[in-house]
Amino acid sequence: METGGIAERFRDKTILITGATGFLGKLLVEKILRVQPEVRKLYLLVRAPDAIAAEERVLTEVVGNGLFDVLREQYGAGFHSFIKEKIYALPGDVTHENFGLESYDILQLSQKVDIIVNGAATTNFMERYIYISLED
């Protein structure tokens, strides 16, 4: 499968990804970093109360996943520097207005982000029934 065309589109781009801690999100983040290491930045919107918790969640649930072993091996001692340069964990929540972000953050994202990938989903299959019962 030829990935050159798609990978080239991500060169020097800033991408906002929701759902990065999910199964497909992890695959997407790893794939982008592996086939297009010249991506400018990946903003990963994750549910977290603050920036420190968001970064910890990304390091544990996304980057800490075995999917990243190829990149770990490829970059060796420079792996963490590469990740720090390419990934920014953004605390927020897609269920809140403006993703729960401050106006300043929204403005910054609107000026920097070239591509948005919305991979956010709920895994609580009872959630829709809770909303329905609340409306009654």
N, C-alpha and C. Protein backbone atom coordinates (compact mmCIF):
# COMPACT_ATOMS: atom_id res chain seq x y z
N MET A 1 0.84 -1.17 0.00
CA MET A 1 0.00 0.00 0.00
C MET A 1 0.89 1.25 0.00
N GLU A 2 0.60 2.16 -0.89
CA GLU A 2 1.39 3.39 -0.99
C GLU A 2 0.87 4.41 0.01
N THR A 3 1.75 4.87 0.89
CA THR A 3 1.35 5.86 1.89
C THR A 3 2.02 7.21 1.66
N GLY A 4 2.88 7.30 0.66
CA GLY A 4 3.62 8.53 0.42
C GLY A 4 2.73 9.75 0.26
N GLY A 5 1.65 9.64 -0.52
CA GLY A 5 0.77 10.78 -0.74
C GLY A 5 0.10 11.26 0.52
N ILE A 6 -0.42 10.34 1.29
CA ILE A 6 -1.09 10.70 2.54
C ILE A 6 -0.08 11.22 3.55
N ALA A 7 1.02 10.53 3.69
CA ALA A 7 2.05 10.94 4.64
C ALA A 7 2.58 12.33 4.31
N GLU A 8 2.74 12.61 3.03
CA GLU A 8 3.24 13.93 2.61
C GLU A 8 2.30 15.05 3.03
N ARG A 9 1.01 14.77 3.05
CA ARG A 9 0.03 15.80 3.44
C ARG A 9 0.19 16.21 4.90
N PHE A 10 0.79 15.36 5.71
CA PHE A 10 0.98 15.66 7.13
C PHE A 10 2.31 16.36 7.42
N ARG A 11 3.18 16.44 6.42
CA ARG A 11 4.49 17.09 6.63
C ARG A 11 4.27 18.55 7.04
N ASP A 12 4.93 18.94 8.12
CA ASP A 12 4.89 20.31 8.63
C ASP A 12 3.47 20.80 8.96
N LYS A 13 2.59 19.88 9.31
CA LYS A 13 1.22 20.25 9.69
C LYS A 13 1.03 20.07 11.19
N THR A 14 0.12 20.85 11.72
CA THR A 14 -0.28 20.73 13.12
C THR A 14 -1.66 20.10 13.13
N ILE A 15 -1.81 19.03 13.91
CA ILE A 15 -3.04 18.25 13.91
C ILE A 15 -3.63 18.18 15.31
N LEU A 16 -4.92 18.44 15.41
CA LEU A 16 -5.66 18.26 16.67
C LEU A 16 -6.38 16.92 16.58
N ILE A 17 -6.14 16.05 17.55
CA ILE A 17 -6.76 14.73 17.56
C ILE A 17 -7.56 14.56 18.84
N THR A 18 -8.85 14.23 18.69
CA THR A 18 -9.66 13.85 19.84
C THR A 18 -9.75 12.33 19.85
N GLY A 19 -9.92 11.75 21.01
CA GLY A 19 -10.03 10.30 21.11
C GLY A 19 -8.69 9.58 21.02
N ALA A 20 -7.61 10.28 21.29
CA ALA A 20 -6.26 9.70 21.15
C ALA A 20 -5.98 8.59 22.15
N THR A 21 -6.71 8.54 23.26
CA THR A 21 -6.47 7.47 24.25
C THR A 21 -7.25 6.20 23.92
N GLY A 22 -8.10 6.27 22.92
CA GLY A 22 -8.85 5.09 22.49
C GLY A 22 -8.01 4.20 21.58
N PHE A 23 -8.55 3.04 21.27
CA PHE A 23 -7.83 2.06 20.46
C PHE A 23 -7.39 2.64 19.12
N LEU A 24 -8.33 3.20 18.36
CA LEU A 24 -7.98 3.75 17.05
C LEU A 24 -7.12 5.00 17.16
N GLY A 25 -7.36 5.80 18.19
CA GLY A 25 -6.58 7.01 18.39
C GLY A 25 -5.10 6.71 18.59
N LYS A 26 -4.81 5.70 19.40
CA LYS A 26 -3.41 5.31 19.63
C LYS A 26 -2.75 4.87 18.33
N LEU A 27 -3.49 4.07 17.56
CA LEU A 27 -2.97 3.61 16.26
C LEU A 27 -2.67 4.80 15.35
N LEU A 28 -3.58 5.75 15.31
CA LEU A 28 -3.42 6.92 14.46
C LEU A 28 -2.20 7.75 14.86
N VAL A 29 -2.06 8.02 16.14
CA VAL A 29 -0.93 8.82 16.63
C VAL A 29 0.40 8.14 16.29
N GLU A 30 0.49 6.85 16.57
CA GLU A 30 1.72 6.11 16.29
C GLU A 30 2.02 6.11 14.80
N LYS A 31 1.00 5.86 14.00
CA LYS A 31 1.19 5.78 12.54
C LYS A 31 1.67 7.12 11.98
N ILE A 32 1.07 8.21 12.41
CA ILE A 32 1.49 9.53 11.93
C ILE A 32 2.95 9.78 12.29
N LEU A 33 3.31 9.51 13.53
CA LEU A 33 4.69 9.76 13.97
C LEU A 33 5.70 8.85 13.27
N ARG A 34 5.27 7.64 12.93
CA ARG A 34 6.18 6.70 12.29
C ARG A 34 6.37 7.00 10.80
N VAL A 35 5.27 7.27 10.08
CA VAL A 35 5.40 7.47 8.63
C VAL A 35 5.67 8.92 8.25
N GLN A 36 5.39 9.85 9.16
CA GLN A 36 5.67 11.27 8.87
C GLN A 36 6.23 11.96 10.11
N PRO A 37 7.47 11.65 10.45
CA PRO A 37 8.07 12.26 11.64
C PRO A 37 8.25 13.77 11.50
N GLU A 38 8.05 14.29 10.30
CA GLU A 38 8.18 15.73 10.10
C GLU A 38 6.85 16.46 10.28
N VAL A 39 5.87 15.78 10.89
CA VAL A 39 4.65 16.47 11.29
C VAL A 39 5.09 17.54 12.30
N ARG A 40 4.47 18.71 12.24
CA ARG A 40 4.90 19.79 13.14
C ARG A 40 4.53 19.49 14.58
N LYS A 41 3.24 19.22 14.84
CA LYS A 41 2.79 19.02 16.22
C LYS A 41 1.47 18.25 16.20
N LEU A 42 1.29 17.38 17.20
CA LEU A 42 0.02 16.70 17.43
C LEU A 42 -0.53 17.20 18.76
N TYR A 43 -1.66 17.88 18.71
CA TYR A 43 -2.36 18.26 19.93
C TYR A 43 -3.34 17.13 20.23
N LEU A 44 -3.20 16.50 21.38
CA LEU A 44 -4.08 15.40 21.76
C LEU A 44 -5.01 15.89 22.86
N LEU A 45 -6.29 16.06 22.53
CA LEU A 45 -7.28 16.50 23.51
C LEU A 45 -7.70 15.29 24.33
N VAL A 46 -7.43 15.33 25.63
CA VAL A 46 -7.78 14.21 26.51
C VAL A 46 -8.53 14.72 27.74
N ARG A 47 -9.42 13.87 28.24
CA ARG A 47 -10.14 14.24 29.46
C ARG A 47 -9.18 14.24 30.63
N ALA A 48 -9.00 15.41 31.20
CA ALA A 48 -8.11 15.56 32.35
C ALA A 48 -8.41 16.91 33.00
N PRO A 49 -8.22 16.99 34.32
CA PRO A 49 -8.52 18.25 35.02
C PRO A 49 -7.51 19.37 34.76
N ASP A 50 -6.28 19.01 34.37
CA ASP A 50 -5.26 20.03 34.14
C ASP A 50 -4.18 19.49 33.19
N ALA A 51 -3.24 20.36 32.84
CA ALA A 51 -2.20 20.01 31.87
C ALA A 51 -1.30 18.87 32.36
N ILE A 52 -0.99 18.87 33.65
CA ILE A 52 -0.12 17.82 34.20
C ILE A 52 -0.80 16.45 34.10
N ALA A 53 -2.07 16.40 34.47
CA ALA A 53 -2.82 15.14 34.39
C ALA A 53 -2.99 14.70 32.93
N ALA A 54 -3.19 15.67 32.03
CA ALA A 54 -3.34 15.34 30.61
C ALA A 54 -2.05 14.73 30.06
N GLU A 55 -0.92 15.35 30.41
CA GLU A 55 0.37 14.83 29.95
C GLU A 55 0.63 13.43 30.51
N GLU A 56 0.33 13.24 31.78
CA GLU A 56 0.52 11.93 32.40
C GLU A 56 -0.35 10.87 31.72
N ARG A 57 -1.57 11.26 31.41
CA ARG A 57 -2.49 10.32 30.75
C ARG A 57 -1.97 9.94 29.36
N VAL A 58 -1.49 10.91 28.61
CA VAL A 58 -0.95 10.63 27.28
C VAL A 58 0.30 9.76 27.38
N LEU A 59 1.20 10.08 28.30
CA LEU A 59 2.42 9.29 28.44
C LEU A 59 2.12 7.85 28.87
N THR A 60 1.13 7.69 29.73
CA THR A 60 0.79 6.35 30.22
C THR A 60 -0.05 5.57 29.22
N GLU A 61 -1.16 6.15 28.78
CA GLU A 61 -2.14 5.42 27.98
C GLU A 61 -1.84 5.39 26.49
N VAL A 62 -1.14 6.38 25.98
CA VAL A 62 -0.87 6.42 24.54
C VAL A 62 0.58 6.03 24.28
N VAL A 63 1.51 6.88 24.66
CA VAL A 63 2.93 6.66 24.38
C VAL A 63 3.47 5.43 25.11
N GLY A 64 2.93 5.12 26.26
CA GLY A 64 3.37 3.96 27.03
C GLY A 64 2.90 2.64 26.45
N ASN A 65 2.03 2.69 25.46
CA ASN A 65 1.50 1.48 24.83
C ASN A 65 2.57 0.79 24.00
N GLY A 66 2.49 -0.52 23.91
CA GLY A 66 3.43 -1.31 23.12
C GLY A 66 3.47 -0.94 21.64
N LEU A 67 2.41 -0.29 21.16
CA LEU A 67 2.39 0.16 19.77
C LEU A 67 3.59 1.05 19.45
N PHE A 68 4.09 1.74 20.44
CA PHE A 68 5.17 2.70 20.24
C PHE A 68 6.56 2.07 20.34
N ASP A 69 6.62 0.74 20.47
CA ASP A 69 7.92 0.06 20.59
C ASP A 69 8.81 0.27 19.36
N VAL A 70 8.21 0.30 18.18
CA VAL A 70 8.99 0.52 16.96
C VAL A 70 9.64 1.90 17.00
N LEU A 71 8.87 2.90 17.39
CA LEU A 71 9.42 4.26 17.51
C LEU A 71 10.46 4.34 18.62
N ARG A 72 10.21 3.65 19.74
CA ARG A 72 11.17 3.62 20.84
C ARG A 72 12.51 3.07 20.36
N GLU A 73 12.42 1.98 19.60
CA GLU A 73 13.64 1.36 19.08
C GLU A 73 14.32 2.26 18.05
N GLN A 74 13.51 2.87 17.19
CA GLN A 74 14.05 3.73 16.14
C GLN A 74 14.78 4.95 16.70
N TYR A 75 14.22 5.58 17.73
CA TYR A 75 14.79 6.81 18.28
C TYR A 75 15.71 6.57 19.47
N GLY A 76 15.65 5.38 20.06
CA GLY A 76 16.54 5.05 21.17
C GLY A 76 16.45 6.06 22.29
N ALA A 77 17.60 6.58 22.70
CA ALA A 77 17.66 7.54 23.81
C ALA A 77 16.95 8.86 23.48
N GLY A 78 16.74 9.14 22.20
CA GLY A 78 16.06 10.37 21.80
C GLY A 78 14.56 10.26 21.71
N PHE A 79 14.02 9.09 22.08
CA PHE A 79 12.57 8.86 21.96
C PHE A 79 11.76 9.88 22.74
N HIS A 80 12.10 10.09 24.00
CA HIS A 80 11.30 11.01 24.84
C HIS A 80 11.40 12.45 24.34
N SER A 81 12.55 12.84 23.83
CA SER A 81 12.71 14.19 23.26
C SER A 81 11.83 14.34 22.03
N PHE A 82 11.82 13.30 21.19
CA PHE A 82 10.99 13.31 19.98
C PHE A 82 9.52 13.45 20.35
N ILE A 83 9.07 12.66 21.32
CA ILE A 83 7.67 12.70 21.76
C ILE A 83 7.34 14.07 22.34
N LYS A 84 8.21 14.61 23.16
CA LYS A 84 7.98 15.92 23.78
C LYS A 84 7.89 17.02 22.72
N GLU A 85 8.68 16.89 21.67
CA GLU A 85 8.67 17.88 20.58
C GLU A 85 7.39 17.78 19.75
N LYS A 86 6.90 16.56 19.54
CA LYS A 86 5.80 16.34 18.60
C LYS A 86 4.41 16.31 19.23
N ILE A 87 4.31 15.91 20.50
CA ILE A 87 2.99 15.73 21.12
C ILE A 87 2.77 16.76 22.22
N TYR A 88 1.58 17.36 22.20
CA TYR A 88 1.17 18.25 23.28
C TYR A 88 -0.16 17.73 23.81
N ALA A 89 -0.19 17.37 25.07
CA ALA A 89 -1.42 16.89 25.71
C ALA A 89 -2.26 18.09 26.13
N LEU A 90 -3.47 18.13 25.64
CA LEU A 90 -4.36 19.26 25.88
C LEU A 90 -5.52 18.80 26.75
N PRO A 91 -5.62 19.31 27.98
CA PRO A 91 -6.73 18.88 28.85
C PRO A 91 -8.04 19.51 28.38
N GLY A 92 -9.04 18.68 28.25
CA GLY A 92 -10.35 19.17 27.81
C GLY A 92 -11.35 18.05 27.80
N ASP A 93 -12.51 18.33 27.22
CA ASP A 93 -13.57 17.34 27.16
C ASP A 93 -14.50 17.70 26.01
N VAL A 94 -14.65 16.80 25.05
CA VAL A 94 -15.47 17.09 23.87
C VAL A 94 -16.95 17.25 24.19
N THR A 95 -17.37 16.83 25.38
CA THR A 95 -18.79 16.98 25.73
C THR A 95 -19.11 18.37 26.27
N HIS A 96 -18.08 19.18 26.49
CA HIS A 96 -18.28 20.54 26.98
C HIS A 96 -18.18 21.55 25.84
N GLU A 97 -18.79 22.69 26.04
CA GLU A 97 -18.71 23.76 25.06
C GLU A 97 -17.25 24.16 24.87
N ASN A 98 -16.86 24.35 23.61
CA ASN A 98 -15.47 24.68 23.27
C ASN A 98 -14.47 23.68 23.84
N PHE A 99 -14.90 22.43 23.93
CA PHE A 99 -14.05 21.35 24.46
C PHE A 99 -13.61 21.59 25.89
N GLY A 100 -14.28 22.50 26.60
CA GLY A 100 -13.90 22.84 27.96
C GLY A 100 -12.62 23.66 28.03
N LEU A 101 -12.23 24.26 26.90
CA LEU A 101 -11.00 25.04 26.84
C LEU A 101 -11.28 26.52 27.08
N GLU A 102 -10.26 27.21 27.55
CA GLU A 102 -10.35 28.66 27.74
C GLU A 102 -10.33 29.35 26.37
N SER A 103 -10.86 30.57 26.32
CA SER A 103 -10.92 31.33 25.06
C SER A 103 -9.54 31.48 24.43
N TYR A 104 -8.53 31.73 25.27
CA TYR A 104 -7.17 31.90 24.76
C TYR A 104 -6.69 30.63 24.05
N ASP A 105 -6.96 29.47 24.65
CA ASP A 105 -6.54 28.20 24.06
C ASP A 105 -7.26 27.95 22.73
N ILE A 106 -8.55 28.28 22.69
CA ILE A 106 -9.32 28.13 21.45
C ILE A 106 -8.71 29.01 20.36
N LEU A 107 -8.39 30.24 20.70
CA LEU A 107 -7.79 31.16 19.74
C LEU A 107 -6.45 30.62 19.23
N GLN A 108 -5.61 30.15 20.13
CA GLN A 108 -4.31 29.60 19.75
C GLN A 108 -4.48 28.40 18.81
N LEU A 109 -5.40 27.50 19.15
CA LEU A 109 -5.64 26.33 18.30
C LEU A 109 -6.14 26.75 16.93
N SER A 110 -7.05 27.72 16.90
CA SER A 110 -7.61 28.15 15.61
C SER A 110 -6.53 28.75 14.71
N GLN A 111 -5.49 29.29 15.29
CA GLN A 111 -4.41 29.88 14.51
C GLN A 111 -3.33 28.86 14.12
N LYS A 112 -3.20 27.79 14.89
CA LYS A 112 -2.11 26.84 14.67
C LYS A 112 -2.52 25.56 13.96
N VAL A 113 -3.74 25.08 14.20
CA VAL A 113 -4.14 23.75 13.72
C VAL A 113 -4.51 23.78 12.24
N ASP A 114 -3.92 22.83 11.50
CA ASP A 114 -4.20 22.68 10.07
C ASP A 114 -5.23 21.60 9.80
N ILE A 115 -5.23 20.55 10.63
CA ILE A 115 -6.09 19.38 10.42
C ILE A 115 -6.69 18.97 11.75
N ILE A 116 -7.98 18.61 11.73
CA ILE A 116 -8.65 18.10 12.93
C ILE A 116 -9.12 16.68 12.64
N VAL A 117 -8.79 15.77 13.53
CA VAL A 117 -9.27 14.39 13.43
C VAL A 117 -10.10 14.12 14.68
N ASN A 118 -11.40 13.94 14.50
CA ASN A 118 -12.28 13.68 15.63
C ASN A 118 -12.50 12.18 15.76
N GLY A 119 -11.81 11.59 16.71
CA GLY A 119 -11.96 10.17 16.97
C GLY A 119 -12.59 9.90 18.32
N ALA A 120 -13.16 10.94 18.93
CA ALA A 120 -13.76 10.79 20.26
C ALA A 120 -15.04 9.96 20.16
N ALA A 121 -15.24 9.13 21.15
CA ALA A 121 -16.44 8.29 21.21
C ALA A 121 -16.69 7.91 22.66
N THR A 122 -17.91 7.55 22.92
CA THR A 122 -18.23 7.06 24.26
C THR A 122 -18.17 5.54 24.24
N THR A 123 -17.72 4.98 25.33
CA THR A 123 -17.74 3.53 25.45
C THR A 123 -18.75 3.10 26.50
N ASN A 124 -19.50 4.07 26.99
CA ASN A 124 -20.58 3.78 27.93
C ASN A 124 -21.86 3.65 27.11
N PHE A 125 -22.23 2.43 26.78
CA PHE A 125 -23.36 2.21 25.89
C PHE A 125 -24.70 2.50 26.57
N MET A 126 -24.70 2.68 27.87
CA MET A 126 -25.93 3.05 28.58
C MET A 126 -26.12 4.57 28.60
N GLU A 127 -25.10 5.30 28.19
CA GLU A 127 -25.13 6.76 28.27
C GLU A 127 -26.33 7.37 27.55
N ARG A 128 -26.63 6.91 26.35
CA ARG A 128 -27.75 7.50 25.62
C ARG A 128 -29.07 7.27 26.35
N TYR A 129 -29.19 6.15 27.06
CA TYR A 129 -30.42 5.88 27.80
C TYR A 129 -30.53 6.77 29.03
N ILE A 130 -29.39 7.10 29.61
CA ILE A 130 -29.38 8.02 30.75
C ILE A 130 -29.87 9.39 30.30
N TYR A 131 -29.38 9.87 29.14
CA TYR A 131 -29.83 11.16 28.61
C TYR A 131 -31.31 11.14 28.28
N ILE A 132 -31.79 10.04 27.71
CA ILE A 132 -33.21 9.93 27.36
C ILE A 132 -34.06 9.99 28.61
N SER A 133 -33.66 9.27 29.65
CA SER A 133 -34.45 9.25 30.88
C SER A 133 -34.42 10.61 31.58
N LEU A 134 -33.33 11.36 31.43
CA LEU A 134 -33.26 12.69 32.02
C LEU A 134 -34.18 13.67 31.30
N GLU A 135 -34.43 13.44 30.01
CA GLU A 135 -35.29 14.33 29.24
C GLU A 135 -36.76 14.09 29.55
N ASP A 136 -37.11 12.92 30.02
CA ASP A 136 -38.52 12.59 30.30
C ASP A 136 -39.04 13.24 31.55
